[in-house]
C-alpha atoms as a PDB file:
ATOM      1  CA  MET A   1      -0.585   6.284 -28.496  1.00  0.00           C
ATOM      2  CA  GLY A   2       1.554   4.113 -26.213  1.00  0.00           C
ATOM      3  CA  ILE A   3       0.409   0.961 -27.994  1.00  0.00           C
ATOM      4  CA  GLN A   4       1.531   2.351 -31.351  1.00  0.00           C
ATOM      5  CA  LEU A   5       4.829   3.669 -29.974  1.00  0.00           C
ATOM      6  CA  LEU A   6       5.679   0.240 -28.564  1.00  0.00           C
ATOM      7  CA  GLU A   7       4.667  -1.529 -31.786  1.00  0.00           C
ATOM      8  CA  TYR A   8       6.695   0.698 -34.082  1.00  0.00           C
ATOM      9  CA  ALA A   9       9.661   0.835 -31.709  1.00  0.00           C
ATOM     10  CA  ALA A  10       9.799  -2.965 -31.778  1.00  0.00           C
ATOM     11  CA  ARG A  11       9.370  -3.060 -35.561  1.00  0.00           C
ATOM     12  CA  SER A  12      12.072  -0.435 -36.084  1.00  0.00           C
ATOM     13  CA  GLY A  13      14.678  -2.211 -33.976  1.00  0.00           C
ATOM     14  CA  VAL A  14      14.784   0.356 -31.158  1.00  0.00           C
ATOM     15  CA  GLU A  15      17.371  -0.856 -28.653  1.00  0.00           C
ATOM     16  CA  LYS A  16      15.373  -0.019 -25.523  1.00  0.00           C
ATOM     17  CA  PHE A  17      11.927   1.388 -24.742  1.00  0.00           C
ATOM     18  CA  VAL A  18      11.125   3.201 -21.482  1.00  0.00           C
ATOM     19  CA  CYS A  19       7.384   3.200 -20.799  1.00  0.00           C
ATOM     20  CA  ILE A  20       5.997   5.575 -18.169  1.00  0.00           C
ATOM     21  CA  GLY A  21       3.019   4.294 -16.192  1.00  0.00           C
ATOM     22  CA  THR A  22       0.901   5.952 -13.517  1.00  0.00           C
ATOM     23  CA  VAL A  23       0.171   5.486  -9.834  1.00  0.00           C
ATOM     24  CA  CYS A  24      -3.505   5.526 -10.866  1.00  0.00           C
ATOM     25  CA  SER A  25      -2.942   1.905 -11.919  1.00  0.00           C
ATOM     26  CA  TYR A  26      -2.610   0.735  -8.325  1.00  0.00           C
ATOM     27  CA  PRO A  27      -5.680  -0.806  -6.653  1.00  0.00           C
ATOM     28  CA  LYS A  28      -7.897   1.497  -4.609  1.00  0.00           C
ATOM     29  CA  PHE A  29      -6.982  -0.202  -1.335  1.00  0.00           C
ATOM     30  CA  THR A  30      -3.299  -0.923  -1.877  1.00  0.00           C
ATOM     31  CA  PRO A  31      -1.329  -1.338   1.377  1.00  0.00           C
ATOM     32  CA  VAL A  32       0.907   1.643   2.191  1.00  0.00           C
ATOM     33  CA  PRO A  33       3.696   2.043   1.256  1.00  0.00           C
ATOM     34  CA  PHE A  34       2.961   0.854  -2.266  1.00  0.00           C
ATOM     35  CA  GLN A  35       5.029  -2.056  -3.555  1.00  0.00           C
ATOM     36  CA  GLU A  36       5.149  -3.174  -7.158  1.00  0.00           C
ATOM     37  CA  ARG A  37       3.966  -6.675  -6.222  1.00  0.00           C
ATOM     38  CA  HIS A  38       0.545  -5.221  -5.283  1.00  0.00           C
ATOM     39  CA  LEU A  39      -0.123  -3.687  -8.703  1.00  0.00           C
ATOM     40  CA  TRP A  40      -2.532  -6.472  -9.726  1.00  0.00           C
ATOM     41  CA  ASP A  41      -4.279  -6.963  -6.365  1.00  0.00           C
ATOM     42  CA  GLY A  42      -7.491  -5.100  -7.218  1.00  0.00           C
ATOM     43  CA  TYR A  43      -9.380  -2.489  -9.225  1.00  0.00           C
ATOM     44  CA  PRO A  44      -8.052   1.096  -9.312  1.00  0.00           C
ATOM     45  CA  GLU A  45      -9.870   3.991  -7.650  1.00  0.00           C
ATOM     46  CA  GLU A  46     -12.993   4.554  -9.765  1.00  0.00           C
ATOM     47  CA  PRO A  47     -12.415   8.129 -11.022  1.00  0.00           C
ATOM     48  CA  ASN A  48      -8.927   7.163 -12.251  1.00  0.00           C
ATOM     49  CA  ALA A  49      -9.669   3.603 -13.360  1.00  0.00           C
ATOM     50  CA  PRO A  50      -9.984   4.131 -17.143  1.00  0.00           C
ATOM     51  CA  TYR A  51      -6.663   5.985 -17.289  1.00  0.00           C
ATOM     52  CA  GLY A  52      -4.974   3.660 -14.798  1.00  0.00           C
ATOM     53  CA  LEU A  53      -6.101   0.477 -16.542  1.00  0.00           C
ATOM     54  CA  ALA A  54      -5.079   1.788 -19.977  1.00  0.00           C
ATOM     55  CA  LYS A  55      -1.597   2.523 -18.635  1.00  0.00           C
ATOM     56  CA  LYS A  56      -1.411  -0.875 -16.950  1.00  0.00           C
ATOM     57  CA  MET A  57      -2.143  -2.543 -20.298  1.00  0.00           C
ATOM     58  CA  LEU A  58       1.057  -0.926 -21.595  1.00  0.00           C
ATOM     59  CA  LEU A  59       2.924  -2.895 -18.917  1.00  0.00           C
ATOM     60  CA  VAL A  60       1.272  -6.072 -20.241  1.00  0.00           C
ATOM     61  CA  GLN A  61       2.318  -5.116 -23.777  1.00  0.00           C
ATOM     62  CA  CYS A  62       5.898  -4.386 -22.674  1.00  0.00           C
ATOM     63  CA  GLN A  63       6.135  -7.781 -21.009  1.00  0.00           C
ATOM     64  CA  ALA A  64       4.514  -9.586 -23.948  1.00  0.00           C
ATOM     65  CA  TYR A  65       6.897  -7.964 -26.443  1.00  0.00           C
ATOM     66  CA  ARG A  66       9.856  -8.895 -24.238  1.00  0.00           C
ATOM     67  CA  GLN A  67       8.697 -12.508 -24.120  1.00  0.00           C
ATOM     68  CA  GLN A  68       7.713 -12.831 -27.785  1.00  0.00           C
ATOM     69  CA  TYR A  69      10.263 -10.616 -29.546  1.00  0.00           C
ATOM     70  CA  GLY A  70      13.050 -10.174 -27.000  1.00  0.00           C
ATOM     71  CA  PHE A  71      12.245  -6.438 -27.000  1.00  0.00           C
ATOM     72  CA  ASN A  72      13.861  -4.581 -24.092  1.00  0.00           C
ATOM     73  CA  ALA A  73      10.960  -2.512 -22.726  1.00  0.00           C
ATOM     74  CA  ILE A  74      10.952  -1.317 -19.129  1.00  0.00           C
ATOM     75  CA  TYR A  75       8.033   0.161 -17.184  1.00  0.00           C
ATOM     76  CA  LEU A  76       8.346   2.927 -14.576  1.00  0.00           C
ATOM     77  CA  ILE A  77       5.604   4.210 -12.255  1.00  0.00           C
ATOM     78  CA  PRO A  78       6.294   7.771 -11.050  1.00  0.00           C
ATOM     79  CA  VAL A  79       4.521   9.206  -8.005  1.00  0.00           C
ATOM     80  CA  ASN A  80       2.714  12.573  -8.000  1.00  0.00           C
ATOM     81  CA  LEU A  81       4.883  14.986  -9.979  1.00  0.00           C
ATOM     82  CA  TYR A  82       5.181  18.756  -9.641  1.00  0.00           C
ATOM     83  CA  GLY A  83       7.404  21.461 -11.078  1.00  0.00           C
ATOM     84  CA  PRO A  84       7.856  23.950 -13.919  1.00  0.00           C
ATOM     85  CA  GLY A  85       5.088  23.894 -16.513  1.00  0.00           C
ATOM     86  CA  ASP A  86       2.563  22.548 -14.002  1.00  0.00           C
ATOM     87  CA  ASN A  87      -1.179  23.029 -14.445  1.00  0.00           C
ATOM     88  CA  PHE A  88      -2.476  25.907 -12.294  1.00  0.00           C
ATOM     89  CA  ASP A  89      -6.065  25.848 -13.578  1.00  0.00           C
ATOM     90  CA  PRO A  90      -8.345  26.031 -10.498  1.00  0.00           C
ATOM     91  CA  HIS A  91     -10.669  23.345 -11.908  1.00  0.00           C
ATOM     92  CA  THR A  92      -8.166  20.756 -13.174  1.00  0.00           C
ATOM     93  CA  SER A  93      -4.898  21.240 -11.267  1.00  0.00           C
ATOM     94  CA  HIS A  94      -3.459  18.750  -8.799  1.00  0.00           C
ATOM     95  CA  VAL A  95      -2.837  19.572  -5.159  1.00  0.00           C
ATOM     96  CA  ILE A  96       0.561  21.367  -5.235  1.00  0.00           C
ATOM     97  CA  PRO A  97      -0.193  23.855  -8.033  1.00  0.00           C
ATOM     98  CA  ALA A  98      -3.733  24.297  -6.664  1.00  0.00           C
ATOM     99  CA  LEU A  99      -2.400  25.234  -3.220  1.00  0.00           C
ATOM    100  CA  ILE A 100       0.267  27.511  -4.685  1.00  0.00           C
ATOM    101  CA  ARG A 101      -2.370  29.366  -6.664  1.00  0.00           C
ATOM    102  CA  LYS A 102      -4.694  29.641  -3.649  1.00  0.00           C
ATOM    103  CA  CYS A 103      -1.882  31.009  -1.481  1.00  0.00           C
ATOM    104  CA  VAL A 104      -0.612  33.517  -4.052  1.00  0.00           C
ATOM    105  CA  GLU A 105      -4.140  34.774  -4.787  1.00  0.00           C
ATOM    106  CA  ALA A 106      -5.014  35.002  -1.074  1.00  0.00           C
ATOM    107  CA  LYS A 107      -1.875  37.053  -0.435  1.00  0.00           C
ATOM    108  CA  ALA A 108      -2.619  39.388  -3.372  1.00  0.00           C
ATOM    109  CA  LEU A 109      -6.203  39.928  -2.182  1.00  0.00           C
ATOM    110  CA  GLY A 110      -5.224  40.410   1.475  1.00  0.00           C
ATOM    111  CA  HIS A 111      -7.175  37.363   2.688  1.00  0.00           C
ATOM    112  CA  HIS A 112      -6.263  35.807   6.015  1.00  0.00           C
ATOM    113  CA  ARG A 113      -7.051  32.171   5.209  1.00  0.00           C
ATOM    114  CA  ILE A 114      -7.344  29.749   2.313  1.00  0.00           C
ATOM    115  CA  VAL A 115      -9.821  26.915   1.809  1.00  0.00           C
ATOM    116  CA  ALA A 116      -8.394  23.494   0.986  1.00  0.00           C
ATOM    117  CA  TRP A 117     -10.003  20.065   0.594  1.00  0.00           C
ATOM    118  CA  GLY A 118      -9.729  17.314   3.160  1.00  0.00           C
ATOM    119  CA  THR A 119      -9.052  17.053   6.866  1.00  0.00           C
ATOM    120  CA  GLY A 120      -5.326  17.549   6.354  1.00  0.00           C
ATOM    121  CA  ASN A 121      -4.584  14.011   7.543  1.00  0.00           C
ATOM    122  CA  ALA A 122      -4.412  12.375   4.123  1.00  0.00           C
ATOM    123  CA  SER A 123      -0.882  11.922   2.834  1.00  0.00           C
ATOM    124  CA  ARG A 124       0.819  11.648  -0.531  1.00  0.00           C
ATOM    125  CA  GLU A 125       4.268  11.194  -1.972  1.00  0.00           C
ATOM    126  CA  PHE A 126       5.586  13.841  -4.369  1.00  0.00           C
ATOM    127  CA  LEU A 127       8.514  14.034  -6.764  1.00  0.00           C
ATOM    128  CA  TYR A 128       9.954  17.123  -8.445  1.00  0.00           C
ATOM    129  CA  ALA A 129       9.833  16.875 -12.252  1.00  0.00           C
ATOM    130  CA  ASP A 130      13.620  17.262 -12.661  1.00  0.00           C
ATOM    131  CA  ASP A 131      14.207  14.448 -10.157  1.00  0.00           C
ATOM    132  CA  ALA A 132      11.738  12.264 -12.057  1.00  0.00           C
ATOM    133  CA  ALA A 133      13.623  12.938 -15.291  1.00  0.00           C
ATOM    134  CA  GLU A 134      16.890  11.987 -13.579  1.00  0.00           C
ATOM    135  CA  GLY A 135      15.320   8.763 -12.284  1.00  0.00           C
ATOM    136  CA  ILE A 136      13.982   7.898 -15.724  1.00  0.00           C
ATOM    137  CA  LEU A 137      17.429   8.416 -17.271  1.00  0.00           C
ATOM    138  CA  HIS A 138      19.047   6.333 -14.537  1.00  0.00           C
ATOM    139  CA  ALA A 139      16.589   3.475 -15.161  1.00  0.00           C
ATOM    140  CA  ALA A 140      17.127   3.779 -18.911  1.00  0.00           C
ATOM    141  CA  GLU A 141      20.855   3.258 -18.356  1.00  0.00           C
ATOM    142  CA  HIS A 142      20.763   0.630 -15.597  1.00  0.00           C
ATOM    143  CA  TYR A 143      17.469  -1.308 -15.523  1.00  0.00           C
ATOM    144  CA  ASN A 144      16.652  -4.043 -18.023  1.00  0.00           C
ATOM    145  CA  GLU A 145      14.027  -6.242 -16.362  1.00  0.00           C
ATOM    146  CA  ALA A 146      10.389  -7.001 -17.172  1.00  0.00           C
ATOM    147  CA  GLU A 147       8.917  -6.076 -13.783  1.00  0.00           C
ATOM    148  CA  PRO A 148       7.584  -2.532 -13.130  1.00  0.00           C
ATOM    149  CA  VAL A 149       9.513  -0.102 -10.929  1.00  0.00           C
ATOM    150  CA  ASN A 150       8.095   2.623  -8.677  1.00  0.00           C
ATOM    151  CA  LEU A 151       9.801   5.985  -9.065  1.00  0.00           C
ATOM    152  CA  GLY A 152       9.525   8.409  -6.147  1.00  0.00           C
ATOM    153  CA  SER A 153      11.122  10.165  -3.211  1.00  0.00           C
ATOM    154  CA  GLY A 154      10.173   7.624  -0.542  1.00  0.00           C
ATOM    155  CA  GLU A 155       8.898  10.442   1.691  1.00  0.00           C
ATOM    156  CA  GLU A 156       5.276  10.805   2.749  1.00  0.00           C
ATOM    157  CA  LEU A 157       3.772  14.250   3.394  1.00  0.00           C
ATOM    158  CA  SER A 158       0.382  14.969   4.956  1.00  0.00           C
ATOM    159  CA  MET A 159      -1.890  17.472   3.240  1.00  0.00           C
ATOM    160  CA  ARG A 160      -1.720  19.689   6.346  1.00  0.00           C
ATOM    161  CA  GLU A 161       2.096  19.678   6.215  1.00  0.00           C
ATOM    162  CA  LEU A 162       1.996  20.414   2.495  1.00  0.00           C
ATOM    163  CA  ALA A 163      -0.506  23.279   2.856  1.00  0.00           C
ATOM    164  CA  ASN A 164       1.468  24.819   5.732  1.00  0.00           C
ATOM    165  CA  LEU A 165       4.740  24.500   3.802  1.00  0.00           C
ATOM    166  CA  ILE A 166       3.304  26.219   0.719  1.00  0.00           C
ATOM    167  CA  CYS A 167       1.756  28.957   2.877  1.00  0.00           C
ATOM    168  CA  GLU A 168       5.153  29.497   4.508  1.00  0.00           C
ATOM    169  CA  LEU A 169       7.063  29.535   1.203  1.00  0.00           C
ATOM    170  CA  THR A 170       4.643  32.005  -0.387  1.00  0.00           C
ATOM    171  CA  ALA A 171       4.375  34.135   2.802  1.00  0.00           C
ATOM    172  CA  SER A 172       0.618  33.578   2.652  1.00  0.00           C
ATOM    173  CA  PRO A 173      -2.132  33.039   5.266  1.00  0.00           C
ATOM    174  CA  GLU A 174      -2.156  29.837   7.268  1.00  0.00           C
ATOM    175  CA  VAL A 175      -4.591  26.956   6.814  1.00  0.00           C
ATOM    176  CA  SER A 176      -6.573  26.062   9.915  1.00  0.00           C
ATOM    177  CA  SER A 177      -8.416  22.792  10.496  1.00  0.00           C
ATOM    178  CA  GLY A 178     -11.723  24.591  10.098  1.00  0.00           C
ATOM    179  CA  THR A 179     -10.917  25.596   6.544  1.00  0.00           C
ATOM    180  CA  LEU A 180     -10.082  22.149   5.215  1.00  0.00           C
ATOM    181  CA  GLN A 181     -13.042  20.729   3.316  1.00  0.00           C
ATOM    182  CA  ARG A 182     -13.945  17.312   1.886  1.00  0.00           C
ATOM    183  CA  THR A 183     -12.075  14.184   2.822  1.00  0.00           C
ATOM    184  CA  VAL A 184      -9.652  12.690   0.318  1.00  0.00           C
ATOM    185  CA  ARG A 185      -8.159   9.194   0.273  1.00  0.00           C
ATOM    186  CA  PRO A 186      -6.151   8.717   3.501  1.00  0.00           C
ATOM    187  CA  ARG A 187      -2.630   7.608   2.541  1.00  0.00           C
ATOM    188  CA  ARG A 188      -0.623   7.274  -0.644  1.00  0.00           C
ATOM    189  CA  ARG A 189       3.058   6.470  -0.490  1.00  0.00           C
ATOM    190  CA  TRP A 190       4.661   4.532  -3.258  1.00  0.00           C
ATOM    191  CA  ILE A 191       8.269   3.845  -2.570  1.00  0.00           C
ATOM    192  CA  HIS A 192       9.089   1.138  -0.081  1.00  0.00           C
ATOM    193  CA  ARG A 193      12.602   0.399   1.133  1.00  0.00           C
ATOM    194  CA  ARG A 194      12.286  -3.019  -0.518  1.00  0.00           C
ATOM    195  CA  SER A 195      11.023  -1.469  -3.767  1.00  0.00           C
ATOM    196  CA  ARG A 196      12.848  -2.393  -6.971  1.00  0.00           C
ATOM    197  CA  SER A 197      13.849   1.258  -7.425  1.00  0.00           C
ATOM    198  CA  ALA A 198      15.927   1.087  -4.252  1.00  0.00           C
ATOM    199  CA  ARG A 199      18.013  -1.664  -5.869  1.00  0.00           C
ATOM    200  CA  ILE A 200      18.686   0.076  -9.200  1.00  0.00           C
END
């Protein structure tokens, strides 16, 4: 779909195209915090690679169209998003809606603990959907370069901190170290103080 949108936007004389990428495009072992210059330093994490590589090819297309046709296409890479309209399905949701659902259900059923994946030490960076929309609009108005730009909060949160925060906000049971199951990738933080987004 993105390929066709870019093609027909260029053909139709669209003044500017804002393409939204994914953090899944970054290599599996990218140094933390993520910087845009590391985007091509390796293969993405295997479960996300098909999606991540497809999105990264849109960056290549944006840059090629800029070079060949003078088409003003920019490419933004948002971090993990959350907010209204999120997916709360227990089998397909991401960590924030999954934990919210676990906490709300545990409270309703009178349970004293929830089970979450990982040791609690892994960390991620999150961005509220409304803040992401604001960042996208800001870039649309002020950024006109070919290079990709990370879009995030710049704040790293451990899974233990996140789980405890959601438990506190939903007045639900706490998460103890004994209830955290399965290790997830250690650290993921995208925005660096020298990131392009800090200069826009």
